[in-house]
Amino acid sequence: METYCSHCGTLLPDSVNFCSKCGAPKTFESKPPQPAIKHSWAWVLLPLFFSFIGGIIAYFALKEDNRKTANQYLILGIIMSVIGFIIMIVSIAYFGASMRHVYGQ
């Protein structure tokens, strides 16, 4: 029976107790571990340009394959929304004060 290293996926002969590639102790895995699915870096553009909505879309598109990355994109969308909201409030306060000065109110 072929066994694979549970840590790095190297095929292990029956006579060894440790992986010759990574040194991990031998466990009885009948299939090689599945490599992590890598997604395009372009997914990060969704929360950057569309803030919270983009983060939600990226989260639901990626959560089945890579939960950690999906969570990071959702958090990025939330952060971008908060930054946009702060910029909006500061702009309203600044331009509102300058308009009162111009019109004498």
C-alpha atoms as a PDB file:
ATOM      1  CA  MET A   1       0.000   0.000   0.000  1.00  0.00           C
ATOM      2  CA  GLU A   2       1.396   3.397  -0.995  1.00  0.00           C
ATOM      3  CA  THR A   3       1.556   5.984   1.759  1.00  0.00           C
ATOM      4  CA  TYR A   4       2.129   9.703   1.454  1.00  0.00           C
ATOM      5  CA  CYS A   5       3.548  12.197   3.903  1.00  0.00           C
ATOM      6  CA  SER A   6       0.650  14.030   5.551  1.00  0.00           C
ATOM      7  CA  HIS A   7       2.775  17.177   5.764  1.00  0.00           C
ATOM      8  CA  CYS A   8       4.354  17.600   2.314  1.00  0.00           C
ATOM      9  CA  GLY A   9       2.716  14.878   0.172  1.00  0.00           C
ATOM     10  CA  THR A  10       5.885  12.940  -0.704  1.00  0.00           C
ATOM     11  CA  LEU A  11       5.438   9.256  -1.525  1.00  0.00           C
ATOM     12  CA  LEU A  12       6.946   7.220   1.337  1.00  0.00           C
ATOM     13  CA  PRO A  13       8.321   3.691   1.138  1.00  0.00           C
ATOM     14  CA  ASP A  14       6.911   1.178   3.627  1.00  0.00           C
ATOM     15  CA  SER A  15      10.277   0.780   5.378  1.00  0.00           C
ATOM     16  CA  VAL A  16      10.584   4.370   6.712  1.00  0.00           C
ATOM     17  CA  ASN A  17       9.027   6.003   9.746  1.00  0.00           C
ATOM     18  CA  PHE A  18       9.879   9.619   8.826  1.00  0.00           C
ATOM     19  CA  CYS A  19       9.588  11.609   5.618  1.00  0.00           C
ATOM     20  CA  SER A  20      12.929  11.992   3.855  1.00  0.00           C
ATOM     21  CA  LYS A  21      11.901  15.382   2.432  1.00  0.00           C
ATOM     22  CA  CYS A  22      10.441  17.249   5.424  1.00  0.00           C
ATOM     23  CA  GLY A  23      11.228  14.976   8.402  1.00  0.00           C
ATOM     24  CA  ALA A  24       7.612  14.631   9.534  1.00  0.00           C
ATOM     25  CA  PRO A  25       6.653  11.342  11.215  1.00  0.00           C
ATOM     26  CA  LYS A  26       4.947   8.858   8.934  1.00  0.00           C
ATOM     27  CA  THR A  27       1.177   8.632   9.149  1.00  0.00           C
ATOM     28  CA  PHE A  28      -0.951   6.348   7.064  1.00  0.00           C
ATOM     29  CA  GLU A  29      -2.440   8.533   4.352  1.00  0.00           C
ATOM     30  CA  SER A  30      -3.647   6.587   1.332  1.00  0.00           C
ATOM     31  CA  LYS A  31      -4.006   9.694  -0.880  1.00  0.00           C
ATOM     32  CA  PRO A  32      -1.667  12.609  -1.350  1.00  0.00           C
ATOM     33  CA  PRO A  33      -2.940  15.789   0.322  1.00  0.00           C
ATOM     34  CA  GLN A  34      -4.751  18.190  -1.972  1.00  0.00           C
ATOM     35  CA  PRO A  35      -2.771  21.335  -2.744  1.00  0.00           C
ATOM     36  CA  ALA A  36      -4.321  24.650  -1.741  1.00  0.00           C
ATOM     37  CA  ILE A  37      -6.207  26.320  -4.550  1.00  0.00           C
ATOM     38  CA  LYS A  38      -4.626  29.614  -5.517  1.00  0.00           C
ATOM     39  CA  HIS A  39      -6.895  32.342  -6.763  1.00  0.00           C
ATOM     40  CA  SER A  40      -6.062  35.310  -8.921  1.00  0.00           C
ATOM     41  CA  TRP A  41      -4.712  38.395  -7.165  1.00  0.00           C
ATOM     42  CA  ALA A  42      -7.411  40.341  -9.022  1.00  0.00           C
ATOM     43  CA  TRP A  43      -9.945  39.318  -6.346  1.00  0.00           C
ATOM     44  CA  VAL A  44      -8.381  41.935  -4.071  1.00  0.00           C
ATOM     45  CA  LEU A  45      -9.538  44.653  -6.501  1.00  0.00           C
ATOM     46  CA  LEU A  46     -13.187  43.895  -5.767  1.00  0.00           C
ATOM     47  CA  PRO A  47     -13.161  45.119  -2.128  1.00  0.00           C
ATOM     48  CA  LEU A  48     -10.776  47.953  -3.022  1.00  0.00           C
ATOM     49  CA  PHE A  49     -13.077  49.466  -5.643  1.00  0.00           C
ATOM     50  CA  PHE A  50     -16.495  48.426  -4.325  1.00  0.00           C
ATOM     51  CA  SER A  51     -15.707  48.436  -0.572  1.00  0.00           C
ATOM     52  CA  PHE A  52     -18.215  46.493   1.547  1.00  0.00           C
ATOM     53  CA  ILE A  53     -20.261  45.068  -1.352  1.00  0.00           C
ATOM     54  CA  GLY A  54     -17.060  43.970  -3.120  1.00  0.00           C
ATOM     55  CA  GLY A  55     -15.836  42.348   0.096  1.00  0.00           C
ATOM     56  CA  ILE A  56     -19.073  40.396   0.447  1.00  0.00           C
ATOM     57  CA  ILE A  57     -18.933  39.229  -3.178  1.00  0.00           C
ATOM     58  CA  ALA A  58     -15.277  38.144  -2.813  1.00  0.00           C
ATOM     59  CA  TYR A  59     -16.081  36.388   0.482  1.00  0.00           C
ATOM     60  CA  PHE A  60     -18.892  34.284  -0.960  1.00  0.00           C
ATOM     61  CA  ALA A  61     -16.938  33.517  -4.137  1.00  0.00           C
ATOM     62  CA  LEU A  62     -13.856  32.275  -2.262  1.00  0.00           C
ATOM     63  CA  LYS A  63     -15.131  30.878   1.054  1.00  0.00           C
ATOM     64  CA  GLU A  64     -15.449  27.258  -0.112  1.00  0.00           C
ATOM     65  CA  ASP A  65     -11.879  27.034  -1.413  1.00  0.00           C
ATOM     66  CA  ASN A  66      -9.972  29.271   0.975  1.00  0.00           C
ATOM     67  CA  ARG A  67     -11.799  30.536   4.063  1.00  0.00           C
ATOM     68  CA  LYS A  68      -8.836  32.570   5.370  1.00  0.00           C
ATOM     69  CA  THR A  69      -8.445  34.574   2.145  1.00  0.00           C
ATOM     70  CA  ALA A  70     -12.214  35.067   1.935  1.00  0.00           C
ATOM     71  CA  ASN A  71     -12.243  36.494   5.472  1.00  0.00           C
ATOM     72  CA  GLN A  72      -9.339  38.815   4.648  1.00  0.00           C
ATOM     73  CA  TYR A  73     -11.165  40.209   1.600  1.00  0.00           C
ATOM     74  CA  LEU A  74     -14.331  40.733   3.636  1.00  0.00           C
ATOM     75  CA  ILE A  75     -12.341  42.610   6.293  1.00  0.00           C
ATOM     76  CA  LEU A  76     -10.659  44.678   3.566  1.00  0.00           C
ATOM     77  CA  GLY A  77     -14.094  45.612   2.213  1.00  0.00           C
ATOM     78  CA  ILE A  78     -15.233  46.697   5.686  1.00  0.00           C
ATOM     79  CA  ILE A  79     -12.071  48.768   6.207  1.00  0.00           C
ATOM     80  CA  MET A  80     -12.491  50.456   2.829  1.00  0.00           C
ATOM     81  CA  SER A  81     -16.106  51.307   3.725  1.00  0.00           C
ATOM     82  CA  VAL A  82     -15.056  52.854   7.038  1.00  0.00           C
ATOM     83  CA  ILE A  83     -12.298  54.883   5.342  1.00  0.00           C
ATOM     84  CA  GLY A  84     -14.780  56.145   2.731  1.00  0.00           C
ATOM     85  CA  PHE A  85     -17.270  57.085   5.438  1.00  0.00           C
ATOM     86  CA  ILE A  86     -14.611  59.001   7.401  1.00  0.00           C
ATOM     87  CA  ILE A  87     -13.522  60.877   4.264  1.00  0.00           C
ATOM     88  CA  MET A  88     -17.149  61.756   3.554  1.00  0.00           C
ATOM     89  CA  ILE A  89     -17.764  63.095   7.080  1.00  0.00           C
ATOM     90  CA  VAL A  90     -14.547  65.142   7.061  1.00  0.00           C
ATOM     91  CA  SER A  91     -15.387  66.559   3.616  1.00  0.00           C
ATOM     92  CA  ILE A  92     -18.900  67.536   4.680  1.00  0.00           C
ATOM     93  CA  ALA A  93     -17.579  69.185   7.836  1.00  0.00           C
ATOM     94  CA  TYR A  94     -14.830  71.067   5.980  1.00  0.00           C
ATOM     95  CA  PHE A  95     -16.856  72.221   2.985  1.00  0.00           C
ATOM     96  CA  GLY A  96     -19.916  72.930   5.110  1.00  0.00           C
ATOM     97  CA  ALA A  97     -17.871  75.269   7.312  1.00  0.00           C
ATOM     98  CA  SER A  98     -16.318  76.991   4.293  1.00  0.00           C
ATOM     99  CA  MET A  99     -19.734  77.473   2.647  1.00  0.00           C
ATOM    100  CA  ARG A 100     -21.125  79.089   5.807  1.00  0.00           C
ATOM    101  CA  HIS A 101     -18.205  81.504   5.741  1.00  0.00           C
ATOM    102  CA  VAL A 102     -18.797  82.391   2.056  1.00  0.00           C
ATOM    103  CA  TYR A 103     -22.529  82.991   2.458  1.00  0.00           C
ATOM    104  CA  GLY A 104     -22.202  84.660   5.844  1.00  0.00           C
ATOM    105  CA  GLN A 105     -24.264  82.209   7.819  1.00  0.00           C
END
